[in-house]
């Protein structure tokens, strides 16, 4: 491939990327057009959209981590969530091995390299 062809191909690729970006922006704006017309006012459309979004983000049921039983009570769901993240983010309660324990473990491993 000669230099002119390469330069032309690179220019066309940049133009293609620009057109794809413009198309994406166009469709993003188009999708928001209805919202701007209908949703920004305190209308039935606005409230229906907000209600639908809230419902899709609500947790109605969760399984207990220990027993696997389904929990549907809102307060118990909250408690289970807190318990889960506390156990996930809490520092590890397992103590580190002592130097003597590490030495004992290392002595049980056969030596493969000799000096």
PDB file of N, CA and C in Angstrom:
ATOM      1  N   UNK A   1       0.855  -1.168   0.000  1.00  0.00           N
ATOM      2  CA  UNK A   1       0.000   0.000   0.000  1.00  0.00           C
ATOM      3  C   UNK A   1       0.902   1.233   0.000  1.00  0.00           C
ATOM      4  N   UNK A   2       0.647   2.145  -0.949  1.00  0.00           N
ATOM      5  CA  UNK A   2       1.490   3.337  -1.022  1.00  0.00           C
ATOM      6  C   UNK A   2       1.034   4.406  -0.027  1.00  0.00           C
ATOM      7  N   UNK A   3       1.811   5.450   0.107  1.00  0.00           N
ATOM      8  CA  UNK A   3       1.575   6.510   1.096  1.00  0.00           C
ATOM      9  C   UNK A   3       0.245   7.218   0.880  1.00  0.00           C
ATOM     10  N   UNK A   4      -0.112   7.524  -0.371  1.00  0.00           N
ATOM     11  CA  UNK A   4      -1.371   8.227  -0.670  1.00  0.00           C
ATOM     12  C   UNK A   4      -2.574   7.380  -0.264  1.00  0.00           C
ATOM     13  N   UNK A   5      -2.516   6.095  -0.565  1.00  0.00           N
ATOM     14  CA  UNK A   5      -3.624   5.201  -0.209  1.00  0.00           C
ATOM     15  C   UNK A   5      -3.761   5.104   1.305  1.00  0.00           C
ATOM     16  N   UNK A   6      -2.643   4.989   1.981  1.00  0.00           N
ATOM     17  CA  UNK A   6      -2.656   4.918   3.436  1.00  0.00           C
ATOM     18  C   UNK A   6      -3.240   6.186   4.053  1.00  0.00           C
ATOM     19  N   UNK A   7      -2.810   7.355   3.556  1.00  0.00           N
ATOM     20  CA  UNK A   7      -3.307   8.640   4.046  1.00  0.00           C
ATOM     21  C   UNK A   7      -4.801   8.769   3.792  1.00  0.00           C
ATOM     22  N   UNK A   8      -5.233   8.381   2.609  1.00  0.00           N
ATOM     23  CA  UNK A   8      -6.660   8.436   2.249  1.00  0.00           C
ATOM     24  C   UNK A   8      -7.473   7.508   3.151  1.00  0.00           C
ATOM     25  N   UNK A   9      -6.962   6.300   3.391  1.00  0.00           N
ATOM     26  CA  UNK A   9      -7.661   5.348   4.242  1.00  0.00           C
ATOM     27  C   UNK A   9      -7.781   5.884   5.670  1.00  0.00           C
ATOM     28  N   UNK A  10      -6.713   6.484   6.171  1.00  0.00           N
ATOM     29  CA  UNK A  10      -6.734   7.052   7.517  1.00  0.00           C
ATOM     30  C   UNK A  10      -7.743   8.203   7.603  1.00  0.00           C
ATOM     31  N   UNK A  11      -7.792   9.040   6.582  1.00  0.00           N
ATOM     32  CA  UNK A  11      -8.730  10.152   6.543  1.00  0.00           C
ATOM     33  C   UNK A  11     -10.172   9.637   6.509  1.00  0.00           C
ATOM     34  N   UNK A  12     -10.422   8.618   5.709  1.00  0.00           N
ATOM     35  CA  UNK A  12     -11.766   8.037   5.634  1.00  0.00           C
ATOM     36  C   UNK A  12     -12.168   7.398   6.959  1.00  0.00           C
ATOM     37  N   UNK A  13     -11.229   6.752   7.643  1.00  0.00           N
ATOM     38  CA  UNK A  13     -11.521   6.150   8.944  1.00  0.00           C
ATOM     39  C   UNK A  13     -11.903   7.224   9.961  1.00  0.00           C
ATOM     40  N   UNK A  14     -11.178   8.347   9.957  1.00  0.00           N
ATOM     41  CA  UNK A  14     -11.500   9.451  10.865  1.00  0.00           C
ATOM     42  C   UNK A  14     -12.876  10.028  10.549  1.00  0.00           C
ATOM     43  N   UNK A  15     -13.176  10.156   9.270  1.00  0.00           N
ATOM     44  CA  UNK A  15     -14.480  10.668   8.855  1.00  0.00           C
ATOM     45  C   UNK A  15     -15.587   9.707   9.294  1.00  0.00           C
ATOM     46  N   UNK A  16     -15.340   8.410   9.149  1.00  0.00           N
ATOM     47  CA  UNK A  16     -16.316   7.397   9.563  1.00  0.00           C
ATOM     48  C   UNK A  16     -16.558   7.470  11.077  1.00  0.00           C
ATOM     49  N   UNK A  17     -15.489   7.611  11.856  1.00  0.00           N
ATOM     50  CA  UNK A  17     -15.611   7.730  13.306  1.00  0.00           C
ATOM     51  C   UNK A  17     -16.432   8.961  13.683  1.00  0.00           C
ATOM     52  N   UNK A  18     -16.181  10.065  13.005  1.00  0.00           N
ATOM     53  CA  UNK A  18     -16.922  11.302  13.265  1.00  0.00           C
ATOM     54  C   UNK A  18     -18.409  11.123  12.949  1.00  0.00           C
ATOM     55  N   UNK A  19     -18.716  10.494  11.835  1.00  0.00           N
ATOM     56  CA  UNK A  19     -20.111  10.261  11.457  1.00  0.00           C
ATOM     57  C   UNK A  19     -20.816   9.339  12.450  1.00  0.00           C
ATOM     58  N   UNK A  20     -20.109   8.316  12.924  1.00  0.00           N
ATOM     59  CA  UNK A  20     -20.693   7.413  13.924  1.00  0.00           C
ATOM     60  C   UNK A  20     -20.979   8.161  15.221  1.00  0.00           C
ATOM     61  N   UNK A  21     -20.065   9.028  15.617  1.00  0.00           N
ATOM     62  CA  UNK A  21     -20.262   9.828  16.824  1.00  0.00           C
ATOM     63  C   UNK A  21     -21.457  10.753  16.665  1.00  0.00           C
ATOM     64  N   UNK A  22     -21.569  11.395  15.517  1.00  0.00           N
ATOM     65  CA  UNK A  22     -22.705  12.282  15.260  1.00  0.00           C
ATOM     66  C   UNK A  22     -24.025  11.515  15.300  1.00  0.00           C
ATOM     67  N   UNK A  23     -24.030  10.313  14.709  1.00  0.00           N
ATOM     68  CA  UNK A  23     -25.255   9.512  14.708  1.00  0.00           C
ATOM     69  C   UNK A  23     -25.646   9.133  16.136  1.00  0.00           C
ATOM     70  N   UNK A  24     -24.659   8.763  16.940  1.00  0.00           N
ATOM     71  CA  UNK A  24     -24.932   8.404  18.332  1.00  0.00           C
ATOM     72  C   UNK A  24     -25.526   9.590  19.095  1.00  0.00           C
ATOM     73  N   UNK A  25     -24.950  10.771  18.899  1.00  0.00           N
ATOM     74  CA  UNK A  25     -25.461  11.976  19.546  1.00  0.00           C
ATOM     75  C   UNK A  25     -26.881  12.272  19.075  1.00  0.00           C
ATOM     76  N   UNK A  26     -27.131  12.107  17.775  1.00  0.00           N
ATOM     77  CA  UNK A  26     -28.461  12.345  17.213  1.00  0.00           C
ATOM     78  C   UNK A  26     -29.496  11.451  17.890  1.00  0.00           C
ATOM     79  N   UNK A  27     -29.198  10.139  18.002  1.00  0.00           N
ATOM     80  CA  UNK A  27     -30.168   9.214  18.585  1.00  0.00           C
ATOM     81  C   UNK A  27     -30.332   9.442  20.080  1.00  0.00           C
ATOM     82  N   UNK A  28     -29.270   9.851  20.762  1.00  0.00           N
ATOM     83  CA  UNK A  28     -29.388  10.163  22.182  1.00  0.00           C
ATOM     84  C   UNK A  28     -30.305  11.369  22.386  1.00  0.00           C
ATOM     85  N   UNK A  29     -30.123  12.400  21.539  1.00  0.00           N
ATOM     86  CA  UNK A  29     -30.983  13.584  21.639  1.00  0.00           C
ATOM     87  C   UNK A  29     -32.416  13.240  21.269  1.00  0.00           C
ATOM     88  N   UNK A  30     -32.592  12.413  20.259  1.00  0.00           N
ATOM     89  CA  UNK A  30     -33.929  12.019  19.809  1.00  0.00           C
ATOM     90  C   UNK A  30     -34.661  11.270  20.919  1.00  0.00           C
ATOM     91  N   UNK A  31     -33.952  10.398  21.640  1.00  0.00           N
ATOM     92  CA  UNK A  31     -34.597   9.628  22.706  1.00  0.00           C
ATOM     93  C   UNK A  31     -35.034  10.526  23.859  1.00  0.00           C
ATOM     94  N   UNK A  32     -34.343  11.621  24.046  1.00  0.00           N
ATOM     95  CA  UNK A  32     -34.693  12.535  25.136  1.00  0.00           C
ATOM     96  C   UNK A  32     -35.744  13.562  24.712  1.00  0.00           C
ATOM     97  N   UNK A  33     -36.029  13.620  23.438  1.00  0.00           N
ATOM     98  CA  UNK A  33     -36.988  14.600  22.941  1.00  0.00           C
ATOM     99  C   UNK A  33     -38.351  14.436  23.604  1.00  0.00           C
ATOM    100  N   UNK A  34     -38.829  13.184  23.693  1.00  0.00           N
ATOM    101  CA  UNK A  34     -40.123  12.927  24.313  1.00  0.00           C
ATOM    102  C   UNK A  34     -40.088  13.327  25.778  1.00  0.00           C
ATOM    103  N   UNK A  35     -38.970  13.005  26.450  1.00  0.00           N
ATOM    104  CA  UNK A  35     -38.867  13.381  27.855  1.00  0.00           C
ATOM    105  C   UNK A  35     -38.900  14.899  28.012  1.00  0.00           C
ATOM    106  N   UNK A  36     -38.206  15.601  27.148  1.00  0.00           N
ATOM    107  CA  UNK A  36     -38.194  17.060  27.253  1.00  0.00           C
ATOM    108  C   UNK A  36     -39.569  17.644  26.978  1.00  0.00           C
ATOM    109  N   UNK A  37     -40.311  17.022  26.061  1.00  0.00           N
ATOM    110  CA  UNK A  37     -41.662  17.517  25.749  1.00  0.00           C
ATOM    111  C   UNK A  37     -42.657  17.166  26.844  1.00  0.00           C
ATOM    112  N   UNK A  38     -42.573  15.909  27.344  1.00  0.00           N
ATOM    113  CA  UNK A  38     -43.598  15.406  28.239  1.00  0.00           C
ATOM    114  C   UNK A  38     -43.155  15.275  29.700  1.00  0.00           C
ATOM    115  N   UNK A  39     -41.903  14.978  29.912  1.00  0.00           N
ATOM    116  CA  UNK A  39     -41.475  14.562  31.234  1.00  0.00           C
ATOM    117  C   UNK A  39     -40.992  15.654  32.153  1.00  0.00           C
ATOM    118  N   UNK A  40     -40.633  16.779  31.642  1.00  0.00           N
ATOM    119  CA  UNK A  40     -40.070  17.817  32.480  1.00  0.00           C
ATOM    120  C   UNK A  40     -41.139  18.596  33.228  1.00  0.00           C
ATOM    121  N   UNK A  41     -42.358  18.439  32.818  1.00  0.00           N
ATOM    122  CA  UNK A  41     -43.459  19.097  33.521  1.00  0.00           C
ATOM    123  C   UNK A  41     -44.015  18.118  34.552  1.00  0.00           C
ATOM    124  N   UNK A  42     -44.776  18.605  35.474  1.00  0.00           N
ATOM    125  CA  UNK A  42     -45.355  17.772  36.523  1.00  0.00           C
ATOM    126  C   UNK A  42     -46.602  17.086  35.966  1.00  0.00           C
ATOM    127  N   UNK A  43     -46.380  16.148  35.050  1.00  0.00           N
ATOM    128  CA  UNK A  43     -47.480  15.521  34.315  1.00  0.00           C
ATOM    129  C   UNK A  43     -47.643  14.061  34.709  1.00  0.00           C
ATOM    130  N   UNK A  44     -48.679  13.464  34.178  1.00  0.00           N
ATOM    131  CA  UNK A  44     -48.940  12.044  34.383  1.00  0.00           C
ATOM    132  C   UNK A  44     -47.760  11.220  33.840  1.00  0.00           C
ATOM    133  N   UNK A  45     -47.229  11.638  32.698  1.00  0.00           N
ATOM    134  CA  UNK A  45     -46.079  10.951  32.087  1.00  0.00           C
ATOM    135  C   UNK A  45     -44.893  10.969  33.036  1.00  0.00           C
ATOM    136  N   UNK A  46     -44.608  12.124  33.623  1.00  0.00           N
ATOM    137  CA  UNK A  46     -43.489  12.261  34.548  1.00  0.00           C
ATOM    138  C   UNK A  46     -43.657  11.329  35.744  1.00  0.00           C
ATOM    139  N   UNK A  47     -44.837  11.332  36.357  1.00  0.00           N
ATOM    140  CA  UNK A  47     -45.067  10.511  37.543  1.00  0.00           C
ATOM    141  C   UNK A  47     -45.041   9.023  37.212  1.00  0.00           C
ATOM    142  N   UNK A  48     -45.566   8.633  36.059  1.00  0.00           N
ATOM    143  CA  UNK A  48     -45.535   7.230  35.654  1.00  0.00           C
ATOM    144  C   UNK A  48     -44.096   6.771  35.437  1.00  0.00           C
ATOM    145  N   UNK A  49     -43.292   7.603  34.819  1.00  0.00           N
ATOM    146  CA  UNK A  49     -41.889   7.261  34.579  1.00  0.00           C
ATOM    147  C   UNK A  49     -41.132   7.144  35.895  1.00  0.00           C
ATOM    148  N   UNK A  50     -41.342   8.088  36.799  1.00  0.00           N
ATOM    149  CA  UNK A  50     -40.664   8.061  38.095  1.00  0.00           C
ATOM    150  C   UNK A  50     -41.096   6.833  38.901  1.00  0.00           C
ATOM    151  N   UNK A  51     -42.383   6.507  38.869  1.00  0.00           N
ATOM    152  CA  UNK A  51     -42.892   5.345  39.601  1.00  0.00           C
ATOM    153  C   UNK A  51     -42.301   4.050  39.041  1.00  0.00           C
ATOM    154  N   UNK A  52     -42.220   3.955  37.725  1.00  0.00           N
ATOM    155  CA  UNK A  52     -41.667   2.768  37.086  1.00  0.00           C
ATOM    156  C   UNK A  52     -40.186   2.605  37.445  1.00  0.00           C
ATOM    157  N   UNK A  53     -39.441   3.696  37.435  1.00  0.00           N
ATOM    158  CA  UNK A  53     -38.021   3.648  37.761  1.00  0.00           C
ATOM    159  C   UNK A  53     -37.819   3.231  39.220  1.00  0.00           C
ATOM    160  N   UNK A  54     -38.623   3.777  40.132  1.00  0.00           N
ATOM    161  CA  UNK A  54     -38.523   3.444  41.544  1.00  0.00           C
ATOM    162  C   UNK A  54     -38.830   1.958  41.768  1.00  0.00           C
ATOM    163  N   UNK A  55     -39.867   1.452  41.085  1.00  0.00           N
ATOM    164  CA  UNK A  55     -40.253   0.043  41.238  1.00  0.00           C
ATOM    165  C   UNK A  55     -39.174  -0.898  40.718  1.00  0.00           C
ATOM    166  N   UNK A  56     -38.499  -0.507  39.646  1.00  0.00           N
ATOM    167  CA  UNK A  56     -37.475  -1.385  39.080  1.00  0.00           C
ATOM    168  C   UNK A  56     -36.224  -1.442  39.953  1.00  0.00           C
ATOM    169  N   UNK A  57     -36.052  -0.482  40.854  1.00  0.00           N
ATOM    170  CA  UNK A  57     -34.869  -0.448  41.709  1.00  0.00           C
ATOM    171  C   UNK A  57     -35.153  -0.951  43.122  1.00  0.00           C
ATOM    172  N   UNK A  58     -36.372  -1.416  43.384  1.00  0.00           N
ATOM    173  CA  UNK A  58     -36.757  -1.877  44.705  1.00  0.00           C
ATOM    174  C   UNK A  58     -36.496  -3.367  44.844  1.00  0.00           C
ATOM    175  N   UNK A  59     -35.963  -3.761  45.986  1.00  0.00           N
ATOM    176  CA  UNK A  59     -35.734  -5.176  46.280  1.00  0.00           C
ATOM    177  C   UNK A  59     -36.926  -5.668  47.093  1.00  0.00           C
ATOM    178  N   UNK A  60     -37.656  -6.637  46.555  1.00  0.00           N
ATOM    179  CA  UNK A  60     -38.839  -7.160  47.214  1.00  0.00           C
ATOM    180  C   UNK A  60     -38.552  -8.464  47.958  1.00  0.00           C
ATOM    181  N   UNK A  61     -37.476  -9.142  47.602  1.00  0.00           N
ATOM    182  CA  UNK A  61     -37.170 -10.440  48.203  1.00  0.00           C
ATOM    183  C   UNK A  61     -35.665 -10.673  48.134  1.00  0.00           C
ATOM    184  N   UNK A  62     -35.155 -11.324  49.186  1.00  0.00           N
ATOM    185  CA  UNK A  62     -33.737 -11.661  49.230  1.00  0.00           C
ATOM    186  C   UNK A  62     -33.596 -12.972  49.994  1.00  0.00           C
ATOM    187  N   UNK A  63     -32.581 -13.736  49.676  1.00  0.00           N
ATOM    188  CA  UNK A  63     -32.353 -14.997  50.386  1.00  0.00           C
ATOM    189  C   UNK A  63     -31.374 -14.779  51.526  1.00  0.00           C
ATOM    190  N   UNK A  64     -31.690 -15.364  52.685  1.00  0.00           N
ATOM    191  CA  UNK A  64     -30.812 -15.313  53.844  1.00  0.00           C
ATOM    192  C   UNK A  64     -29.515 -16.032  53.487  1.00  0.00           C
ATOM    193  N   UNK A  65     -28.389 -15.412  53.780  1.00  0.00           N
ATOM    194  CA  UNK A  65     -27.087 -15.975  53.412  1.00  0.00           C
ATOM    195  C   UNK A  65     -26.793 -17.274  54.149  1.00  0.00           C
ATOM    196  N   UNK A  66     -27.258 -17.385  55.386  1.00  0.00           N
ATOM    197  CA  UNK A  66     -26.949 -18.567  56.187  1.00  0.00           C
ATOM    198  C   UNK A  66     -27.879 -19.738  55.878  1.00  0.00           C
ATOM    199  N   UNK A  67     -29.183 -19.472  55.893  1.00  0.00           N
ATOM    200  CA  UNK A  67     -30.141 -20.573  55.752  1.00  0.00           C
ATOM    201  C   UNK A  67     -30.694 -20.726  54.336  1.00  0.00           C
ATOM    202  N   UNK A  68     -30.603 -19.691  53.522  1.00  0.00           N
ATOM    203  CA  UNK A  68     -31.145 -19.750  52.165  1.00  0.00           C
ATOM    204  C   UNK A  68     -32.640 -19.495  52.100  1.00  0.00           C
ATOM    205  N   UNK A  69     -33.255 -19.140  53.230  1.00  0.00           N
ATOM    206  CA  UNK A  69     -34.694 -18.865  53.292  1.00  0.00           C
ATOM    207  C   UNK A  69     -34.981 -17.504  52.664  1.00  0.00           C
ATOM    208  N   UNK A  70     -36.076 -17.413  51.915  1.00  0.00           N
ATOM    209  CA  UNK A  70     -36.463 -16.140  51.299  1.00  0.00           C
ATOM    210  C   UNK A  70     -36.992 -15.181  52.352  1.00  0.00           C
ATOM    211  N   UNK A  71     -36.539 -13.942  52.265  1.00  0.00           N
ATOM    212  CA  UNK A  71     -36.989 -12.882  53.181  1.00  0.00           C
ATOM    213  C   UNK A  71     -37.755 -11.865  52.356  1.00  0.00           C
ATOM    214  N   UNK A  72     -38.980 -11.544  52.793  1.00  0.00           N
ATOM    215  CA  UNK A  72     -39.792 -10.565  52.068  1.00  0.00           C
ATOM    216  C   UNK A  72     -40.125  -9.339  52.914  1.00  0.00           C
ATOM    217  N   UNK A  73     -39.870  -9.408  54.222  1.00  0.00           N
ATOM    218  CA  UNK A  73     -40.129  -8.276  55.100  1.00  0.00           C
ATOM    219  C   UNK A  73     -39.090  -7.191  54.846  1.00  0.00           C
ATOM    220  N   UNK A  74     -39.552  -5.943  54.643  1.00  0.00           N
ATOM    221  CA  UNK A  74     -38.657  -4.841  54.289  1.00  0.00           C
ATOM    222  C   UNK A  74     -37.559  -4.624  55.325  1.00  0.00           C
ATOM    223  N   UNK A  75     -37.917  -4.657  56.610  1.00  0.00           N
ATOM    224  CA  UNK A  75     -36.918  -4.447  57.667  1.00  0.00           C
ATOM    225  C   UNK A  75     -35.895  -5.573  57.708  1.00  0.00           C
ATOM    226  N   UNK A  76     -36.361  -6.814  57.512  1.00  0.00           N
ATOM    227  CA  UNK A  76     -35.439  -7.943  57.515  1.00  0.00           C
ATOM    228  C   UNK A  76     -34.518  -7.913  56.295  1.00  0.00           C
ATOM    229  N   UNK A  77     -35.041  -7.436  55.163  1.00  0.00           N
ATOM    230  CA  UNK A  77     -34.206  -7.288  53.963  1.00  0.00           C
ATOM    231  C   UNK A  77     -33.090  -6.277  54.236  1.00  0.00           C
ATOM    232  N   UNK A  78     -33.447  -5.172  54.877  1.00  0.00           N
ATOM    233  CA  UNK A  78     -32.442  -4.161  55.213  1.00  0.00           C
ATOM    234  C   UNK A  78     -31.382  -4.738  56.147  1.00  0.00           C
ATOM    235  N   UNK A  79     -31.818  -5.478  57.171  1.00  0.00           N
ATOM    236  CA  UNK A  79     -30.874  -6.073  58.119  1.00  0.00           C
ATOM    237  C   UNK A  79     -29.947  -7.063  57.423  1.00  0.00           C
ATOM    238  N   UNK A  80     -30.502  -7.871  56.519  1.00  0.00           N
ATOM    239  CA  UNK A  80     -29.685  -8.845  55.795  1.00  0.00           C
ATOM    240  C   UNK A  80     -28.650  -8.145  54.917  1.00  0.00           C
ATOM    241  N   UNK A  81     -29.054  -7.036  54.282  1.00  0.00           N
ATOM    242  CA  UNK A  81     -28.119  -6.257  53.466  1.00  0.00           C
ATOM    243  C   UNK A  81     -26.989  -5.692  54.299  1.00  0.00           C
ATOM    244  N   UNK A  82     -27.307  -5.135  55.445  1.00  0.00           N
ATOM    245  CA  UNK A  82     -26.285  -4.580  56.341  1.00  0.00           C
ATOM    246  C   UNK A  82     -25.348  -5.696  56.807  1.00  0.00           C
ATOM    247  N   UNK A  83     -25.930  -6.843  57.197  1.00  0.00           N
ATOM    248  CA  UNK A  83     -25.124  -7.983  57.663  1.00  0.00           C
ATOM    249  C   UNK A  83     -24.173  -8.453  56.562  1.00  0.00           C
ATOM    250  N   UNK A  84     -24.679  -8.533  55.336  1.00  0.00           N
ATOM    251  CA  UNK A  84     -23.864  -8.993  54.222  1.00  0.00           C
ATOM    252  C   UNK A  84     -22.667  -8.068  53.996  1.00  0.00           C
ATOM    253  N   UNK A  85     -22.916  -6.756  53.933  1.00  0.00           N
ATOM    254  CA  UNK A  85     -21.825  -5.829  53.648  1.00  0.00           C
ATOM    255  C   UNK A  85     -20.868  -5.686  54.831  1.00  0.00           C
ATOM    256  N   UNK A  86     -21.365  -5.837  56.056  1.00  0.00           N
ATOM    257  CA  UNK A  86     -20.452  -5.823  57.201  1.00  0.00           C
ATOM    258  C   UNK A  86     -19.497  -7.002  57.124  1.00  0.00           C
ATOM    259  N   UNK A  87     -20.032  -8.181  56.789  1.00  0.00           N
ATOM    260  CA  UNK A  87     -19.156  -9.357  56.706  1.00  0.00           C
ATOM    261  C   UNK A  87     -18.203  -9.244  55.517  1.00  0.00           C
ATOM    262  N   UNK A  88     -18.652  -8.602  54.448  1.00  0.00           N
ATOM    263  CA  UNK A  88     -17.820  -8.444  53.263  1.00  0.00           C
ATOM    264  C   UNK A  88     -16.691  -7.446  53.491  1.00  0.00           C
ATOM    265  N   UNK A  89     -16.989  -6.361  54.202  1.00  0.00           N
ATOM    266  CA  UNK A  89     -16.036  -5.273  54.354  1.00  0.00           C
ATOM    267  C   UNK A  89     -15.284  -5.293  55.682  1.00  0.00           C
ATOM    268  N   UNK A  90     -15.690  -6.158  56.602  1.00  0.00           N
ATOM    269  CA  UNK A  90     -15.036  -6.213  57.906  1.00  0.00           C
ATOM    270  C   UNK A  90     -13.629  -6.782  57.758  1.00  0.00           C
ATOM    271  N   UNK A  91     -12.728  -6.360  58.628  1.00  0.00           N
ATOM    272  CA  UNK A  91     -11.381  -6.932  58.558  1.00  0.00           C
ATOM    273  C   UNK A  91     -11.435  -8.429  58.857  1.00  0.00           C
ATOM    274  N   UNK A  92     -10.525  -9.142  58.270  1.00  0.00           N
ATOM    275  CA  UNK A  92     -10.469 -10.582  58.444  1.00  0.00           C
ATOM    276  C   UNK A  92     -10.187 -10.894  59.907  1.00  0.00           C
ATOM    277  N   UNK A  93     -11.026 -11.706  60.528  1.00  0.00           N
ATOM    278  CA  UNK A  93     -10.865 -11.992  61.956  1.00  0.00           C
ATOM    279  C   UNK A  93      -9.912 -13.149  62.213  1.00  0.00           C
ATOM    280  N   UNK A  94      -9.451 -13.809  61.182  1.00  0.00           N
ATOM    281  CA  UNK A  94      -8.510 -14.906  61.349  1.00  0.00           C
ATOM    282  C   UNK A  94      -7.140 -14.334  61.693  1.00  0.00           C
ATOM    283  N   UNK A  95      -6.560 -14.753  62.812  1.00  0.00           N
ATOM    284  CA  UNK A  95      -5.252 -14.199  63.186  1.00  0.00           C
ATOM    285  C   UNK A  95      -4.154 -14.691  62.243  1.00  0.00           C
ATOM    286  N   UNK A  96      -3.156 -13.864  62.072  1.00  0.00           N
ATOM    287  CA  UNK A  96      -2.007 -14.242  61.248  1.00  0.00           C
ATOM    288  C   UNK A  96      -1.200 -15.304  61.978  1.00  0.00           C
ATOM    289  N   UNK A  97      -0.566 -16.212  61.242  1.00  0.00           N
ATOM    290  CA  UNK A  97       0.246 -17.239  61.918  1.00  0.00           C
ATOM    291  C   UNK A  97       1.481 -16.611  62.565  1.00  0.00           C
ATOM    292  N   UNK A  98       1.913 -17.214  63.648  1.00  0.00           N
ATOM    293  CA  UNK A  98       3.107 -16.722  64.332  1.00  0.00           C
ATOM    294  C   UNK A  98       4.349 -17.160  63.559  1.00  0.00           C
ATOM    295  N   UNK A  99       5.486 -16.587  63.927  1.00  0.00           N
ATOM    296  CA  UNK A  99       6.750 -16.961  63.273  1.00  0.00           C
ATOM    297  C   UNK A  99       7.055 -18.430  63.513  1.00  0.00           C
ATOM    298  N   UNK A 100       6.731 -18.911  64.698  1.00  0.00           N
ATOM    299  CA  UNK A 100       6.994 -20.319  65.025  1.00  0.00           C
ATOM    300  C   UNK A 100       6.141 -21.235  64.143  1.00  0.00           C
ATOM    301  N   UNK A 101       4.883 -20.854  63.917  1.00  0.00           N
ATOM    302  CA  UNK A 101       4.006 -21.664  63.072  1.00  0.00           C
ATOM    303  C   UNK A 101       4.489 -21.674  61.626  1.00  0.00           C
ATOM    304  N   UNK A 102       4.962 -20.528  61.148  1.00  0.00           N
ATOM    305  CA  UNK A 102       5.481 -20.450  59.778  1.00  0.00           C
ATOM    306  C   UNK A 102       6.732 -21.309  59.656  1.00  0.00           C
ATOM    307  N   UNK A 103       7.612 -21.221  60.662  1.00  0.00           N
ATOM    308  CA  UNK A 103       8.847 -22.018  60.647  1.00  0.00           C
ATOM    309  C   UNK A 103       8.525 -23.509  60.648  1.00  0.00           C
ATOM    310  N   UNK A 104       7.570 -23.901  61.482  1.00  0.00           N
ATOM    311  CA  UNK A 104       7.158 -25.307  61.550  1.00  0.00           C
ATOM    312  C   UNK A 104       6.607 -25.782  60.205  1.00  0.00           C
ATOM    313  N   UNK A 105       5.806 -24.959  59.564  1.00  0.00           N
ATOM    314  CA  UNK A 105       5.244 -25.311  58.262  1.00  0.00           C
ATOM    315  C   UNK A 105       6.344 -25.459  57.223  1.00  0.00           C
ATOM    316  N   UNK A 106       7.284 -24.534  57.211  1.00  0.00           N
ATOM    317  CA  UNK A 106       8.368 -24.572  56.239  1.00  0.00           C
ATOM    318  C   UNK A 106       9.282 -25.789  56.431  1.00  0.00           C
ATOM    319  N   UNK A 107       9.424 -26.227  57.677  1.00  0.00           N
ATOM    320  CA  UNK A 107      10.249 -27.396  57.951  1.00  0.00           C
ATOM    321  C   UNK A 107       9.619 -28.680  57.416  1.00  0.00           C
ATOM    322  N   UNK A 108       8.306 -28.698  57.225  1.00  0.00           N
ATOM    323  CA  UNK A 108       7.635 -29.890  56.719  1.00  0.00           C
ATOM    324  C   UNK A 108       7.768 -30.012  55.199  1.00  0.00           C
ATOM    325  N   UNK A 109       8.155 -28.925  54.555  1.00  0.00           N
ATOM    326  CA  UNK A 109       8.314 -28.943  53.088  1.00  0.00           C
ATOM    327  C   UNK A 109       9.703 -29.440  52.761  1.00  0.00           C
ATOM    328  N   UNK A 110       9.811 -30.486  51.920  1.00  0.00           N
ATOM    329  CA  UNK A 110      11.147 -31.013  51.616  1.00  0.00           C
ATOM    330  C   UNK A 110      11.987 -29.999  50.844  1.00  0.00           C
ATOM    331  N   UNK A 111      13.273 -29.981  51.138  1.00  0.00           N
ATOM    332  CA  UNK A 111      14.200 -29.090  50.455  1.00  0.00           C
ATOM    333  C   UNK A 111      14.549 -29.692  49.109  1.00  0.00           C
ATOM    334  N   UNK A 112      14.395 -28.910  48.054  1.00  0.00           N
ATOM    335  CA  UNK A 112      14.648 -29.400  46.704  1.00  0.00           C
ATOM    336  C   UNK A 112      15.983 -28.907  46.168  1.00  0.00           C
ATOM    337  N   UNK A 113      16.496 -27.807  46.732  1.00  0.00           N
ATOM    338  CA  UNK A 113      17.750 -27.235  46.244  1.00  0.00           C
ATOM    339  C   UNK A 113      18.778 -27.345  47.358  1.00  0.00           C
ATOM    340  N   UNK A 114      19.917 -27.869  47.022  1.00  0.00           N
ATOM    341  CA  UNK A 114      20.973 -27.946  48.024  1.00  0.00           C
ATOM    342  C   UNK A 114      22.096 -26.984  47.653  1.00  0.00           C
ATOM    343  N   UNK A 115      22.811 -26.530  48.654  1.00  0.00           N
ATOM    344  CA  UNK A 115      23.878 -25.581  48.380  1.00  0.00           C
ATOM    345  C   UNK A 115      25.205 -26.244  48.176  1.00  0.00           C
TER     346      UNK A 115
END
